[in-house]
Protein backbone atom coordinates (compact mmCIF):
# COMPACT_ATOMS: atom_id res chain seq x y z
CA MET A 1 -10.42 68.58 -52.83
CA PHE A 2 -13.72 70.46 -53.15
CA TYR A 3 -14.18 69.33 -56.73
CA LEU A 4 -13.43 65.72 -55.82
CA ILE A 5 -16.10 65.87 -53.11
CA ALA A 6 -18.60 67.42 -55.53
CA LEU A 7 -17.89 64.90 -58.28
CA SER A 8 -18.03 62.06 -55.77
CA TYR A 9 -21.45 63.18 -54.56
CA ALA A 10 -22.69 63.41 -58.14
CA GLN A 11 -21.37 59.91 -58.77
CA ILE A 12 -22.96 58.55 -55.58
CA LEU A 13 -26.42 59.84 -56.43
CA PHE A 14 -26.04 58.94 -60.11
CA ASN A 15 -25.08 55.35 -59.28
CA MET A 16 -27.84 54.97 -56.72
CA SER A 17 -30.59 56.28 -58.97
CA THR A 18 -29.33 54.36 -62.00
CA TYR A 19 -29.18 51.11 -60.03
CA LEU A 20 -32.69 51.58 -58.65
CA THR A 21 -34.00 52.45 -62.12
CA VAL A 22 -32.63 49.44 -64.00
CA ILE A 23 -32.05 46.61 -61.51
CA VAL A 24 -35.49 44.99 -61.86
CA ASP A 25 -35.24 45.01 -65.65
CA PHE A 26 -31.63 43.79 -65.48
CA ALA A 27 -32.43 40.95 -63.08
CA THR A 28 -35.49 39.74 -65.01
CA ASP A 29 -33.37 39.71 -68.19
CA ARG A 30 -31.02 37.38 -66.33
CA GLY A 31 -33.78 34.92 -65.49
CA VAL A 32 -34.74 36.17 -62.03
CA SER A 33 -38.45 36.16 -61.21
CA LYS A 34 -40.13 39.56 -61.07
CA TRP A 35 -40.76 39.33 -57.30
CA ASN A 36 -37.16 38.37 -56.54
CA ALA A 37 -35.97 41.19 -58.79
CA VAL A 38 -38.11 43.71 -56.90
CA LEU A 39 -36.72 42.32 -53.65
CA LEU A 40 -33.25 43.51 -54.76
CA ILE A 41 -34.46 47.11 -54.33
CA ALA A 42 -35.56 46.42 -50.74
CA ILE A 43 -32.27 44.66 -49.98
CA TYR A 44 -30.36 47.64 -51.37
CA GLY A 45 -32.44 50.03 -49.25
CA VAL A 46 -31.97 48.08 -46.02
CA ALA A 47 -28.20 47.93 -46.56
CA ASP A 48 -28.16 51.67 -47.32
CA VAL A 49 -29.99 52.56 -44.09
CA ALA A 50 -27.89 50.17 -41.98
CA SER A 51 -24.74 51.70 -43.41
CA ARG A 52 -25.83 55.23 -42.61
CA PHE A 53 -26.12 54.24 -38.95
CA GLY A 54 -23.01 52.08 -38.72
CA SER A 55 -20.44 53.81 -40.88
CA GLY A 56 -21.05 57.24 -39.38
CA TRP A 57 -20.17 55.91 -35.96
CA ILE A 58 -17.00 54.32 -37.35
CA SER A 59 -15.77 57.51 -39.01
CA ASP A 60 -16.77 59.76 -36.09
CA LYS A 61 -14.80 57.58 -33.65
CA LYS A 62 -11.77 58.00 -35.97
CA CYS A 63 -11.47 54.23 -36.43
CA ILE A 64 -10.75 54.95 -40.08
CA LYS A 65 -10.03 58.19 -41.93
CA ARG A 66 -12.88 59.63 -43.94
CA SER A 67 -10.82 59.59 -47.14
CA ALA A 68 -10.10 55.89 -46.52
CA MET A 69 -13.83 55.30 -45.99
CA MET A 70 -14.61 56.97 -49.30
CA SER A 71 -11.91 55.02 -51.13
CA LEU A 72 -12.84 51.68 -49.58
CA HIS A 73 -16.54 52.06 -50.29
CA PHE A 74 -16.04 53.28 -53.85
CA LEU A 75 -13.85 50.21 -54.40
CA LEU A 76 -16.45 47.88 -52.85
CA TRP A 77 -19.13 49.50 -54.97
CA ALA A 78 -17.03 49.00 -58.11
CA VAL A 79 -16.49 45.33 -57.26
CA SER A 80 -20.23 44.87 -56.72
CA TYR A 81 -20.98 46.36 -60.15
CA PHE A 82 -18.33 44.21 -61.83
CA MET A 83 -19.83 41.17 -60.10
CA LEU A 84 -23.31 42.22 -61.19
CA ALA A 85 -22.20 42.57 -64.80
CA SER A 86 -20.43 39.22 -64.91
CA THR A 87 -22.89 36.81 -63.31
CA THR A 88 -26.45 35.61 -63.73
CA HIS A 89 -26.85 33.94 -60.33
CA TYR A 90 -29.41 35.53 -58.04
CA THR A 91 -27.20 34.98 -54.99
CA PHE A 92 -24.51 37.21 -56.47
CA GLN A 93 -27.12 39.81 -57.36
CA VAL A 94 -28.21 39.85 -53.71
CA VAL A 95 -24.59 40.20 -52.55
CA SER A 96 -24.15 43.01 -55.07
CA ALA A 97 -27.32 44.75 -53.82
CA ILE A 98 -26.08 44.56 -50.22
CA THR A 99 -22.61 45.82 -51.13
CA ALA A 100 -23.87 48.62 -53.40
CA GLY A 101 -26.49 49.71 -50.85
CA TRP A 102 -23.96 49.68 -48.03
CA SER A 103 -21.45 51.66 -50.11
CA ASN A 104 -24.09 54.20 -51.09
CA GLY A 105 -25.10 54.80 -47.48
CA ALA A 106 -21.52 55.01 -46.23
CA THR A 107 -20.40 57.51 -48.86
CA SER A 108 -23.47 59.72 -49.18
CA MET A 109 -23.59 60.52 -45.47
CA LEU A 110 -19.91 61.53 -45.49
CA VAL A 111 -20.25 64.20 -48.18
CA PRO A 112 -21.77 66.96 -45.98
CA ILE A 113 -19.16 66.17 -43.31
CA LEU A 114 -16.32 66.42 -45.83
CA VAL A 115 -17.66 69.75 -47.10
CA MET A 116 -17.98 71.03 -43.52
CA GLU A 117 -14.36 70.07 -42.79
CA LEU A 118 -13.25 71.93 -45.91
CA VAL A 119 -15.09 75.24 -45.43
CA ASP A 120 -16.22 77.27 -42.44
CA ALA A 121 -19.79 77.24 -41.17
CA GLN A 122 -20.73 80.51 -42.88
CA GLN A 123 -19.79 79.18 -46.33
CA PHE A 124 -21.22 75.69 -45.84
CA SER A 125 -24.68 76.38 -47.27
CA LEU A 126 -23.30 77.98 -50.42
CA CYS A 127 -20.67 75.29 -50.95
CA PHE A 128 -23.03 72.40 -50.30
CA GLY A 129 -25.55 74.03 -52.63
CA PHE A 130 -22.87 74.10 -55.32
CA VAL A 131 -22.05 70.44 -54.65
CA THR A 132 -25.69 69.49 -55.18
CA LEU A 133 -25.92 71.70 -58.28
CA ILE A 134 -23.14 69.70 -59.95
CA ILE A 135 -25.40 66.64 -59.79
CA VAL A 136 -27.47 68.07 -62.65
CA LEU A 137 -24.69 67.39 -65.18
CA PRO A 138 -24.53 63.59 -64.97
CA PHE A 139 -28.28 63.30 -64.42
CA SER A 140 -28.92 64.98 -67.77
CA VAL A 141 -26.97 62.18 -69.49
CA ARG A 142 -28.49 59.28 -67.54
CA PRO A 143 -31.62 58.64 -69.66
CA VAL A 144 -29.53 58.61 -72.84
CA MET A 145 -27.01 56.24 -71.27
CA ILE A 146 -29.67 53.85 -69.99
CA GLY A 147 -31.45 53.92 -73.34
CA PHE A 148 -28.22 53.31 -75.25
CA PHE A 149 -27.29 50.24 -73.24
CA ARG A 150 -30.82 48.82 -73.23
CA ASP A 151 -31.81 49.57 -76.83
CA THR A 152 -28.49 49.44 -78.67
CA MET A 153 -26.39 47.02 -76.63
CA GLY A 154 -29.32 44.82 -75.59
CA ASP A 155 -28.75 44.81 -71.82
CA TYR A 156 -27.13 46.69 -68.95
CA GLN A 157 -23.99 44.57 -68.59
CA GLY A 158 -21.81 47.17 -70.30
CA MET A 159 -23.38 49.96 -68.28
CA PHE A 160 -22.56 48.29 -64.97
CA THR A 161 -19.02 47.67 -66.21
CA LEU A 162 -18.68 51.34 -67.17
CA LEU A 163 -20.04 52.47 -63.81
CA GLY A 164 -17.63 50.06 -62.09
CA VAL A 165 -14.69 51.57 -63.98
CA CYS A 166 -15.79 55.09 -62.96
CA LEU A 167 -16.11 53.97 -59.34
CA SER A 168 -12.64 52.41 -59.51
CA ILE A 169 -11.19 55.71 -60.72
CA SER A 170 -12.89 57.52 -57.83
CA ALA A 171 -11.50 54.94 -55.41
CA LEU A 172 -8.00 55.63 -56.74
CA LEU A 173 -8.49 59.39 -56.41
CA TRP A 174 -9.60 58.98 -52.79
CA MET A 175 -6.59 56.71 -52.16
CA TRP A 176 -4.41 59.50 -53.50
CA VAL A 177 -6.07 61.91 -51.03
CA LEU A 178 -5.42 59.42 -48.21
CA VAL A 179 -1.73 59.10 -49.15
CA ARG A 180 -1.43 62.88 -49.34
CA GLU A 181 -3.03 63.28 -45.89
CA ARG A 182 -0.66 60.73 -44.39
CA ARG A 183 2.36 62.49 -45.90
CA GLN A 184 1.18 65.81 -44.49
CA GLU A 185 0.78 64.22 -41.06
CA GLN A 186 4.28 62.73 -41.25
CA ASP A 187 5.75 66.07 -42.32
CA LEU A 188 3.96 67.78 -39.43
CA GLN A 189 5.30 65.21 -36.96
CA LYS A 190 8.84 65.68 -38.31
CA SER A 191 8.60 69.46 -38.01
CA ASN A 192 7.23 69.14 -34.45
CA LYS A 193 10.20 66.93 -33.51
CA VAL A 194 12.63 69.47 -34.96
CA ILE A 195 10.97 72.31 -33.01
CA ALA A 196 10.97 70.31 -29.76
């Protein structure tokens, strides 16, 4: 579970920084004016901040399990990247910016909470430090990846598709965690009924 949290955090920050780095170039390549392309960054940021306020309340009130939140938002993020890669319409780029920003905010704020639930308070600093250290690995590949898709492939369509596939895999892994948690809860309820 710890490694899934660490890899998820690396993926969250990698996707956010990659999106913010290339979206203006990507949008202008698709015929969007420079000012509208820059506006996508602001839209992404507003959705991110709104999500950090709203989704934390939802998960803290136990309206939805944290693993389900992670899975749902990774899936939404993947869909937004697939949509971004497959369309040239500015409206869909705005919807994608909102969805990706919302998903980034919802998942990034859950990572410290997930680490805290996994380890005790004395080990939290060390474990969270290790989680943030893992981020270095994908970030060292990012410039090469961006350059490959821009210079060799001609645009970022393939990159957003690749990132969407990676996000889909993460969504499936978090779904697996959710199923495993539910089975453990059912087993615990069965054992409590037997004891009673």
